Amino acid sequence: SAPSAPISSAPSSKAPASKPKTPGPTAGPSSPAAEGLP
C-alpha cells in the first residue's frame, strides 16, 4: 500500500493544469495588426 499512495497522487498533480482556451469569434481574418490598415 506504500507505493499505491504515490501512484494515486501522480494524476492529481496534473489536475491543476489548465486547459487551453478555445479561440473566440475573433479568429480567422481578425488580427491586432489590422489597426495599422486603411
PDB file of all heavy atoms in Angstrom:
ATOM      1  N   SER A   1       0.827  -1.212   0.000  1.00  0.00           N
ATOM      2  CA  SER A   1       0.000   0.000   0.000  1.00  0.00           C
ATOM      3  C   SER A   1       0.856   1.254   0.000  1.00  0.00           C
ATOM      4  O   SER A   1       0.397   2.312  -0.327  1.00  0.00           O
ATOM      5  CB  SER A   1      -0.917   0.002   1.233  1.00  0.00           C
ATOM      6  OG  SER A   1      -0.142   0.072   2.418  1.00  0.00           O
ATOM      7  N   ALA A   2       2.135   1.102   0.390  1.00  0.00           N
ATOM      8  CA  ALA A   2       3.010   2.269   0.415  1.00  0.00           C
ATOM      9  C   ALA A   2       3.183   2.867  -0.974  1.00  0.00           C
ATOM     10  O   ALA A   2       2.991   4.044  -1.175  1.00  0.00           O
ATOM     11  CB  ALA A   2       4.360   1.888   1.019  1.00  0.00           C
ATOM     12  N   PRO A   3       3.489   2.037  -2.061  1.00  0.00           N
ATOM     13  CA  PRO A   3       3.617   2.658  -3.381  1.00  0.00           C
ATOM     14  C   PRO A   3       2.305   3.123  -3.961  1.00  0.00           C
ATOM     15  O   PRO A   3       2.276   3.903  -4.866  1.00  0.00           O
ATOM     16  CB  PRO A   3       4.226   1.553  -4.234  1.00  0.00           C
ATOM     17  CG  PRO A   3       3.988   0.299  -3.483  1.00  0.00           C
ATOM     18  CD  PRO A   3       3.878   0.665  -2.039  1.00  0.00           C
ATOM     19  N   SER A   4       1.140   2.576  -3.447  1.00  0.00           N
ATOM     20  CA  SER A   4      -0.142   2.959  -4.030  1.00  0.00           C
ATOM     21  C   SER A   4      -0.434   4.427  -3.801  1.00  0.00           C
ATOM     22  O   SER A   4      -1.100   5.063  -4.582  1.00  0.00           O
ATOM     23  CB  SER A   4      -1.265   2.110  -3.440  1.00  0.00           C
ATOM     24  OG  SER A   4      -1.400   2.379  -2.064  1.00  0.00           O
ATOM     25  N   ALA A   5       0.070   4.993  -2.692  1.00  0.00           N
ATOM     26  CA  ALA A   5      -0.194   6.405  -2.411  1.00  0.00           C
ATOM     27  C   ALA A   5       0.464   7.306  -3.447  1.00  0.00           C
ATOM     28  O   ALA A   5      -0.180   8.158  -4.019  1.00  0.00           O
ATOM     29  CB  ALA A   5       0.272   6.755  -0.999  1.00  0.00           C
ATOM     30  N   PRO A   6       1.754   7.100  -3.783  1.00  0.00           N
ATOM     31  CA  PRO A   6       2.357   7.946  -4.814  1.00  0.00           C
ATOM     32  C   PRO A   6       1.694   7.781  -6.175  1.00  0.00           C
ATOM     33  O   PRO A   6       1.583   8.697  -6.935  1.00  0.00           O
ATOM     34  CB  PRO A   6       3.818   7.488  -4.848  1.00  0.00           C
ATOM     35  CG  PRO A   6       4.037   6.821  -3.530  1.00  0.00           C
ATOM     36  CD  PRO A   6       2.718   6.240  -3.141  1.00  0.00           C
ATOM     37  N   ILE A   7       1.238   6.519  -6.487  1.00  0.00           N
ATOM     38  CA  ILE A   7       0.626   6.288  -7.793  1.00  0.00           C
ATOM     39  C   ILE A   7      -0.641   7.105  -7.918  1.00  0.00           C
ATOM     40  O   ILE A   7      -0.914   7.737  -8.915  1.00  0.00           O
ATOM     41  CB  ILE A   7       0.337   4.789  -7.991  1.00  0.00           C
ATOM     42  CG1 ILE A   7       1.667   4.021  -8.105  1.00  0.00           C
ATOM     43  CG2 ILE A   7      -0.530   4.546  -9.210  1.00  0.00           C
ATOM     44  CD1 ILE A   7       1.508   2.539  -8.125  1.00  0.00           C
ATOM     45  N   SER A   8      -1.486   7.077  -6.849  1.00  0.00           N
ATOM     46  CA  SER A   8      -2.741   7.811  -6.906  1.00  0.00           C
ATOM     47  C   SER A   8      -2.512   9.309  -6.879  1.00  0.00           C
ATOM     48  O   SER A   8      -3.293  10.067  -7.405  1.00  0.00           O
ATOM     49  CB  SER A   8      -3.641   7.402  -5.732  1.00  0.00           C
ATOM     50  OG  SER A   8      -3.006   7.724  -4.508  1.00  0.00           O
ATOM     51  N   SER A   9      -1.394   9.732  -6.255  1.00  0.00           N
ATOM     52  CA  SER A   9      -1.150  11.163  -6.173  1.00  0.00           C
ATOM     53  C   SER A   9      -0.589  11.719  -7.479  1.00  0.00           C
ATOM     54  O   SER A   9      -0.665  12.887  -7.738  1.00  0.00           O
ATOM     55  CB  SER A   9      -0.176  11.470  -5.031  1.00  0.00           C
ATOM     56  OG  SER A   9       1.074  10.852  -5.285  1.00  0.00           O
ATOM     57  N   ALA A  10      -0.026  10.826  -8.340  1.00  0.00           N
ATOM     58  CA  ALA A  10       0.563  11.304  -9.586  1.00  0.00           C
ATOM     59  C   ALA A  10      -0.449  11.986 -10.486  1.00  0.00           C
ATOM     60  O   ALA A  10      -0.237  13.078 -10.960  1.00  0.00           O
ATOM     61  CB  ALA A  10       1.258  10.150 -10.318  1.00  0.00           C
ATOM     62  N   PRO A  11      -1.658  11.327 -10.761  1.00  0.00           N
ATOM     63  CA  PRO A  11      -2.628  12.020 -11.619  1.00  0.00           C
ATOM     64  C   PRO A  11      -3.122  13.316 -11.008  1.00  0.00           C
ATOM     65  O   PRO A  11      -3.412  14.259 -11.709  1.00  0.00           O
ATOM     66  CB  PRO A  11      -3.755  10.997 -11.744  1.00  0.00           C
ATOM     67  CG  PRO A  11      -3.135   9.685 -11.392  1.00  0.00           C
ATOM     68  CD  PRO A  11      -2.067  10.012 -10.398  1.00  0.00           C
ATOM     69  N   SER A  12      -3.264  13.354  -9.657  1.00  0.00           N
ATOM     70  CA  SER A  12      -3.814  14.551  -9.034  1.00  0.00           C
ATOM     71  C   SER A  12      -2.881  15.739  -9.225  1.00  0.00           C
ATOM     72  O   SER A  12      -3.306  16.865  -9.244  1.00  0.00           O
ATOM     73  CB  SER A  12      -4.062  14.302  -7.540  1.00  0.00           C
ATOM     74  OG  SER A  12      -2.845  14.022  -6.881  1.00  0.00           O
ATOM     75  N   SER A  13      -1.563  15.450  -9.374  1.00  0.00           N
ATOM     76  CA  SER A  13      -0.633  16.551  -9.582  1.00  0.00           C
ATOM     77  C   SER A  13      -0.850  17.214 -10.935  1.00  0.00           C
ATOM     78  O   SER A  13      -0.525  18.353 -11.139  1.00  0.00           O
ATOM     79  CB  SER A  13       0.806  16.036  -9.483  1.00  0.00           C
ATOM     80  OG  SER A  13       1.058  15.091 -10.498  1.00  0.00           O
ATOM     81  N   LYS A  14      -1.467  16.451 -11.896  1.00  0.00           N
ATOM     82  CA  LYS A  14      -1.736  17.013 -13.207  1.00  0.00           C
ATOM     83  C   LYS A  14      -3.057  17.753 -13.250  1.00  0.00           C
ATOM     84  O   LYS A  14      -3.364  18.428 -14.211  1.00  0.00           O
ATOM     85  CB  LYS A  14      -1.749  15.910 -14.262  1.00  0.00           C
ATOM     86  CG  LYS A  14      -0.411  15.194 -14.414  1.00  0.00           C
ATOM     87  CD  LYS A  14      -0.504  14.120 -15.478  1.00  0.00           C
ATOM     88  CE  LYS A  14       0.822  13.381 -15.628  1.00  0.00           C
ATOM     89  NZ  LYS A  14       0.752  12.332 -16.659  1.00  0.00           N
ATOM     90  N   ALA A  15      -3.902  17.568 -12.228  1.00  0.00           N
ATOM     91  CA  ALA A  15      -5.235  18.163 -12.239  1.00  0.00           C
ATOM     92  C   ALA A  15      -5.222  19.672 -12.360  1.00  0.00           C
ATOM     93  O   ALA A  15      -6.011  20.237 -13.090  1.00  0.00           O
ATOM     94  CB  ALA A  15      -5.999  17.732 -10.988  1.00  0.00           C
ATOM     95  N   PRO A  16      -4.324  20.387 -11.629  1.00  0.00           N
ATOM     96  CA  PRO A  16      -4.373  21.860 -11.710  1.00  0.00           C
ATOM     97  C   PRO A  16      -4.041  22.419 -13.076  1.00  0.00           C
ATOM     98  O   PRO A  16      -4.258  23.579 -13.326  1.00  0.00           O
ATOM     99  CB  PRO A  16      -3.316  22.291 -10.678  1.00  0.00           C
ATOM    100  CG  PRO A  16      -3.158  21.117  -9.771  1.00  0.00           C
ATOM    101  CD  PRO A  16      -3.372  19.922 -10.656  1.00  0.00           C
ATOM    102  N   ALA A  17      -3.481  21.562 -13.971  1.00  0.00           N
ATOM    103  CA  ALA A  17      -3.108  22.090 -15.278  1.00  0.00           C
ATOM    104  C   ALA A  17      -4.341  22.607 -15.998  1.00  0.00           C
ATOM    105  O   ALA A  17      -5.345  21.932 -16.093  1.00  0.00           O
ATOM    106  CB  ALA A  17      -2.436  20.992 -16.111  1.00  0.00           C
ATOM    107  N   SER A  18      -4.283  23.835 -16.461  1.00  0.00           N
ATOM    108  CA  SER A  18      -5.434  24.449 -17.127  1.00  0.00           C
ATOM    109  C   SER A  18      -5.472  24.039 -18.593  1.00  0.00           C
ATOM    110  O   SER A  18      -4.443  23.833 -19.227  1.00  0.00           O
ATOM    111  CB  SER A  18      -5.361  25.970 -17.010  1.00  0.00           C
ATOM    112  OG  SER A  18      -4.171  26.446 -17.599  1.00  0.00           O
ATOM    113  N   LYS A  19      -6.696  23.895 -19.101  1.00  0.00           N
ATOM    114  CA  LYS A  19      -6.876  23.527 -20.493  1.00  0.00           C
ATOM    115  C   LYS A  19      -6.724  24.764 -21.374  1.00  0.00           C
ATOM    116  O   LYS A  19      -7.091  25.860 -20.983  1.00  0.00           O
ATOM    117  CB  LYS A  19      -8.263  22.906 -20.695  1.00  0.00           C
ATOM    118  CG  LYS A  19      -8.444  21.596 -19.958  1.00  0.00           C
ATOM    119  CD  LYS A  19      -9.823  21.026 -20.227  1.00  0.00           C
ATOM    120  CE  LYS A  19     -10.026  19.698 -19.499  1.00  0.00           C
ATOM    121  NZ  LYS A  19     -11.373  19.156 -19.752  1.00  0.00           N
ATOM    122  N   PRO A  20      -6.208  24.561 -22.584  1.00  0.00           N
ATOM    123  CA  PRO A  20      -6.089  25.712 -23.484  1.00  0.00           C
ATOM    124  C   PRO A  20      -7.465  26.233 -23.866  1.00  0.00           C
ATOM    125  O   PRO A  20      -8.397  25.479 -24.074  1.00  0.00           O
ATOM    126  CB  PRO A  20      -5.359  25.128 -24.710  1.00  0.00           C
ATOM    127  CG  PRO A  20      -5.575  23.654 -24.611  1.00  0.00           C
ATOM    128  CD  PRO A  20      -5.683  23.340 -23.144  1.00  0.00           C
ATOM    129  N   LYS A  21      -7.590  27.536 -23.919  1.00  0.00           N
ATOM    130  CA  LYS A  21      -8.877  28.149 -24.245  1.00  0.00           C
ATOM    131  C   LYS A  21      -9.159  28.042 -25.738  1.00  0.00           C
ATOM    132  O   LYS A  21      -8.270  28.121 -26.566  1.00  0.00           O
ATOM    133  CB  LYS A  21      -8.874  29.621 -23.815  1.00  0.00           C
ATOM    134  CG  LYS A  21      -8.759  29.816 -22.313  1.00  0.00           C
ATOM    135  CD  LYS A  21      -8.803  31.293 -21.955  1.00  0.00           C
ATOM    136  CE  LYS A  21      -8.712  31.494 -20.448  1.00  0.00           C
ATOM    137  NZ  LYS A  21      -8.744  32.927 -20.092  1.00  0.00           N
ATOM    138  N   THR A  22     -10.427  27.813 -26.039  1.00  0.00           N
ATOM    139  CA  THR A  22     -10.854  27.757 -27.428  1.00  0.00           C
ATOM    140  C   THR A  22     -10.876  29.175 -28.011  1.00  0.00           C
ATOM    141  O   THR A  22     -11.380  30.093 -27.365  1.00  0.00           O
ATOM    142  CB  THR A  22     -12.254  27.144 -27.520  1.00  0.00           C
ATOM    143  OG1 THR A  22     -12.227  25.868 -26.891  1.00  0.00           O
ATOM    144  CG2 THR A  22     -12.709  27.004 -28.955  1.00  0.00           C
ATOM    145  N   PRO A  23     -10.346  29.356 -29.197  1.00  0.00           N
ATOM    146  CA  PRO A  23     -10.353  30.701 -29.782  1.00  0.00           C
ATOM    147  C   PRO A  23     -11.765  31.238 -29.905  1.00  0.00           C
ATOM    148  O   PRO A  23     -12.707  30.508 -30.196  1.00  0.00           O
ATOM    149  CB  PRO A  23      -9.716  30.479 -31.169  1.00  0.00           C
ATOM    150  CG  PRO A  23      -8.938  29.213 -31.018  1.00  0.00           C
ATOM    151  CD  PRO A  23      -9.653  28.377 -30.015  1.00  0.00           C
ATOM    152  N   GLY A  24     -11.919  32.532 -29.647  1.00  0.00           N
ATOM    153  CA  GLY A  24     -13.219  33.176 -29.707  1.00  0.00           C
ATOM    154  C   GLY A  24     -13.607  33.547 -31.125  1.00  0.00           C
ATOM    155  O   GLY A  24     -12.977  33.151 -32.103  1.00  0.00           O
ATOM    156  N   PRO A  25     -14.645  34.352 -31.258  1.00  0.00           N
ATOM    157  CA  PRO A  25     -15.141  34.708 -32.585  1.00  0.00           C
ATOM    158  C   PRO A  25     -14.226  35.620 -33.370  1.00  0.00           C
ATOM    159  O   PRO A  25     -14.484  35.902 -34.527  1.00  0.00           O
ATOM    160  CB  PRO A  25     -16.466  35.419 -32.270  1.00  0.00           C
ATOM    161  CG  PRO A  25     -16.318  35.910 -30.877  1.00  0.00           C
ATOM    162  CD  PRO A  25     -15.450  34.903 -30.181  1.00  0.00           C
ATOM    163  N   THR A  26     -13.128  36.077 -32.743  1.00  0.00           N
ATOM    164  CA  THR A  26     -12.205  36.966 -33.465  1.00  0.00           C
ATOM    165  C   THR A  26     -11.216  36.189 -34.321  1.00  0.00           C
ATOM    166  O   THR A  26     -10.358  36.775 -34.954  1.00  0.00           O
ATOM    167  CB  THR A  26     -11.422  37.843 -32.472  1.00  0.00           C
ATOM    168  OG1 THR A  26     -10.669  37.002 -31.602  1.00  0.00           O
ATOM    169  CG2 THR A  26     -12.356  38.707 -31.662  1.00  0.00           C
ATOM    170  N   ALA A  27     -11.300  34.841 -34.326  1.00  0.00           N
ATOM    171  CA  ALA A  27     -10.398  34.037 -35.143  1.00  0.00           C
ATOM    172  C   ALA A  27     -10.690  34.272 -36.616  1.00  0.00           C
ATOM    173  O   ALA A  27     -11.735  34.793 -36.995  1.00  0.00           O
ATOM    174  CB  ALA A  27     -10.556  32.563 -34.807  1.00  0.00           C
ATOM    175  N   GLY A  28      -9.773  33.814 -37.478  1.00  0.00           N
ATOM    176  CA  GLY A  28      -9.982  33.985 -38.900  1.00  0.00           C
ATOM    177  C   GLY A  28      -9.338  35.272 -39.384  1.00  0.00           C
ATOM    178  O   GLY A  28      -8.177  35.559 -39.116  1.00  0.00           O
ATOM    179  N   PRO A  29     -10.092  36.121 -40.077  1.00  0.00           N
ATOM    180  CA  PRO A  29      -9.490  37.332 -40.619  1.00  0.00           C
ATOM    181  C   PRO A  29      -9.233  38.421 -39.593  1.00  0.00           C
ATOM    182  O   PRO A  29      -8.691  39.459 -39.931  1.00  0.00           O
ATOM    183  CB  PRO A  29     -10.525  37.806 -41.654  1.00  0.00           C
ATOM    184  CG  PRO A  29     -11.792  37.173 -41.247  1.00  0.00           C
ATOM    185  CD  PRO A  29     -11.447  35.911 -40.545  1.00  0.00           C
ATOM    186  N   SER A  30      -9.636  38.217 -38.316  1.00  0.00           N
ATOM    187  CA  SER A  30      -9.406  39.247 -37.295  1.00  0.00           C
ATOM    188  C   SER A  30      -7.958  39.210 -36.834  1.00  0.00           C
ATOM    189  O   SER A  30      -7.378  38.150 -36.675  1.00  0.00           O
ATOM    190  CB  SER A  30     -10.325  39.019 -36.097  1.00  0.00           C
ATOM    191  OG  SER A  30     -11.665  39.076 -36.509  1.00  0.00           O
ATOM    192  N   SER A  31      -7.363  40.381 -36.575  1.00  0.00           N
ATOM    193  CA  SER A  31      -5.975  40.438 -36.120  1.00  0.00           C
ATOM    194  C   SER A  31      -5.683  41.817 -35.559  1.00  0.00           C
ATOM    195  O   SER A  31      -6.156  42.834 -36.087  1.00  0.00           O
ATOM    196  CB  SER A  31      -5.031  40.133 -37.288  1.00  0.00           C
ATOM    197  OG  SER A  31      -3.701  40.410 -36.920  1.00  0.00           O
ATOM    198  N   PRO A  32      -4.876  41.865 -34.463  1.00  0.00           N
ATOM    199  CA  PRO A  32      -4.466  43.180 -33.954  1.00  0.00           C
ATOM    200  C   PRO A  32      -3.689  43.990 -34.985  1.00  0.00           C
ATOM    201  O   PRO A  32      -3.658  45.224 -34.940  1.00  0.00           O
ATOM    202  CB  PRO A  32      -3.596  42.823 -32.751  1.00  0.00           C
ATOM    203  CG  PRO A  32      -4.026  41.454 -32.343  1.00  0.00           C
ATOM    204  CD  PRO A  32      -4.419  40.772 -33.615  1.00  0.00           C
ATOM    205  N   ALA A  33      -3.060  43.298 -35.937  1.00  0.00           N
ATOM    206  CA  ALA A  33      -2.289  44.005 -36.968  1.00  0.00           C
ATOM    207  C   ALA A  33      -3.188  44.852 -37.858  1.00  0.00           C
ATOM    208  O   ALA A  33      -2.720  45.725 -38.591  1.00  0.00           O
ATOM    209  CB  ALA A  33      -1.522  42.998 -37.819  1.00  0.00           C
ATOM    210  N   ALA A  34      -4.520  44.590 -37.782  1.00  0.00           N
ATOM    211  CA  ALA A  34      -5.456  45.350 -38.611  1.00  0.00           C
ATOM    212  C   ALA A  34      -5.491  46.816 -38.232  1.00  0.00           C
ATOM    213  O   ALA A  34      -5.927  47.660 -39.029  1.00  0.00           O
ATOM    214  CB  ALA A  34      -6.858  44.743 -38.476  1.00  0.00           C
ATOM    215  N   GLU A  35      -5.041  47.147 -37.012  1.00  0.00           N
ATOM    216  CA  GLU A  35      -5.105  48.539 -36.564  1.00  0.00           C
ATOM    217  C   GLU A  35      -4.293  49.469 -37.471  1.00  0.00           C
ATOM    218  O   GLU A  35      -4.610  50.647 -37.630  1.00  0.00           O
ATOM    219  CB  GLU A  35      -4.591  48.646 -35.118  1.00  0.00           C
ATOM    220  CG  GLU A  35      -5.444  47.910 -34.091  1.00  0.00           C
ATOM    221  CD  GLU A  35      -6.848  48.483 -33.977  1.00  0.00           C
ATOM    222  OE1 GLU A  35      -7.038  49.653 -34.371  1.00  0.00           O
ATOM    223  OE2 GLU A  35      -7.735  47.765 -33.491  1.00  0.00           O
ATOM    224  N   GLY A  36      -3.276  48.962 -38.113  1.00  0.00           N
ATOM    225  CA  GLY A  36      -2.448  49.803 -38.978  1.00  0.00           C
ATOM    226  C   GLY A  36      -2.910  49.832 -40.420  1.00  0.00           C
ATOM    227  O   GLY A  36      -2.257  50.465 -41.263  1.00  0.00           O
ATOM    228  N   LEU A  37      -4.012  49.184 -40.733  1.00  0.00           N
ATOM    229  CA  LEU A  37      -4.509  49.111 -42.107  1.00  0.00           C
ATOM    230  C   LEU A  37      -5.506  50.237 -42.390  1.00  0.00           C
ATOM    231  O   LEU A  37      -6.118  50.796 -41.470  1.00  0.00           O
ATOM    232  CB  LEU A  37      -5.191  47.758 -42.344  1.00  0.00           C
ATOM    233  CG  LEU A  37      -4.307  46.512 -42.237  1.00  0.00           C
ATOM    234  CD1 LEU A  37      -5.159  45.254 -42.369  1.00  0.00           C
ATOM    235  CD2 LEU A  37      -3.201  46.538 -43.293  1.00  0.00           C
ATOM    236  N   PRO A  38      -5.718  50.564 -43.661  1.00  0.00           N
ATOM    237  CA  PRO A  38      -6.731  51.567 -44.004  1.00  0.00           C
ATOM    238  C   PRO A  38      -8.138  51.030 -43.745  1.00  0.00           C
ATOM    239  O   PRO A  38      -8.360  49.827 -43.670  1.00  0.00           O
ATOM    240  CB  PRO A  38      -6.501  51.801 -45.502  1.00  0.00           C
ATOM    241  CG  PRO A  38      -5.856  50.552 -45.989  1.00  0.00           C
ATOM    242  CD  PRO A  38      -5.013  50.046 -44.845  1.00  0.00           C
TER     243      PRO A  38
END
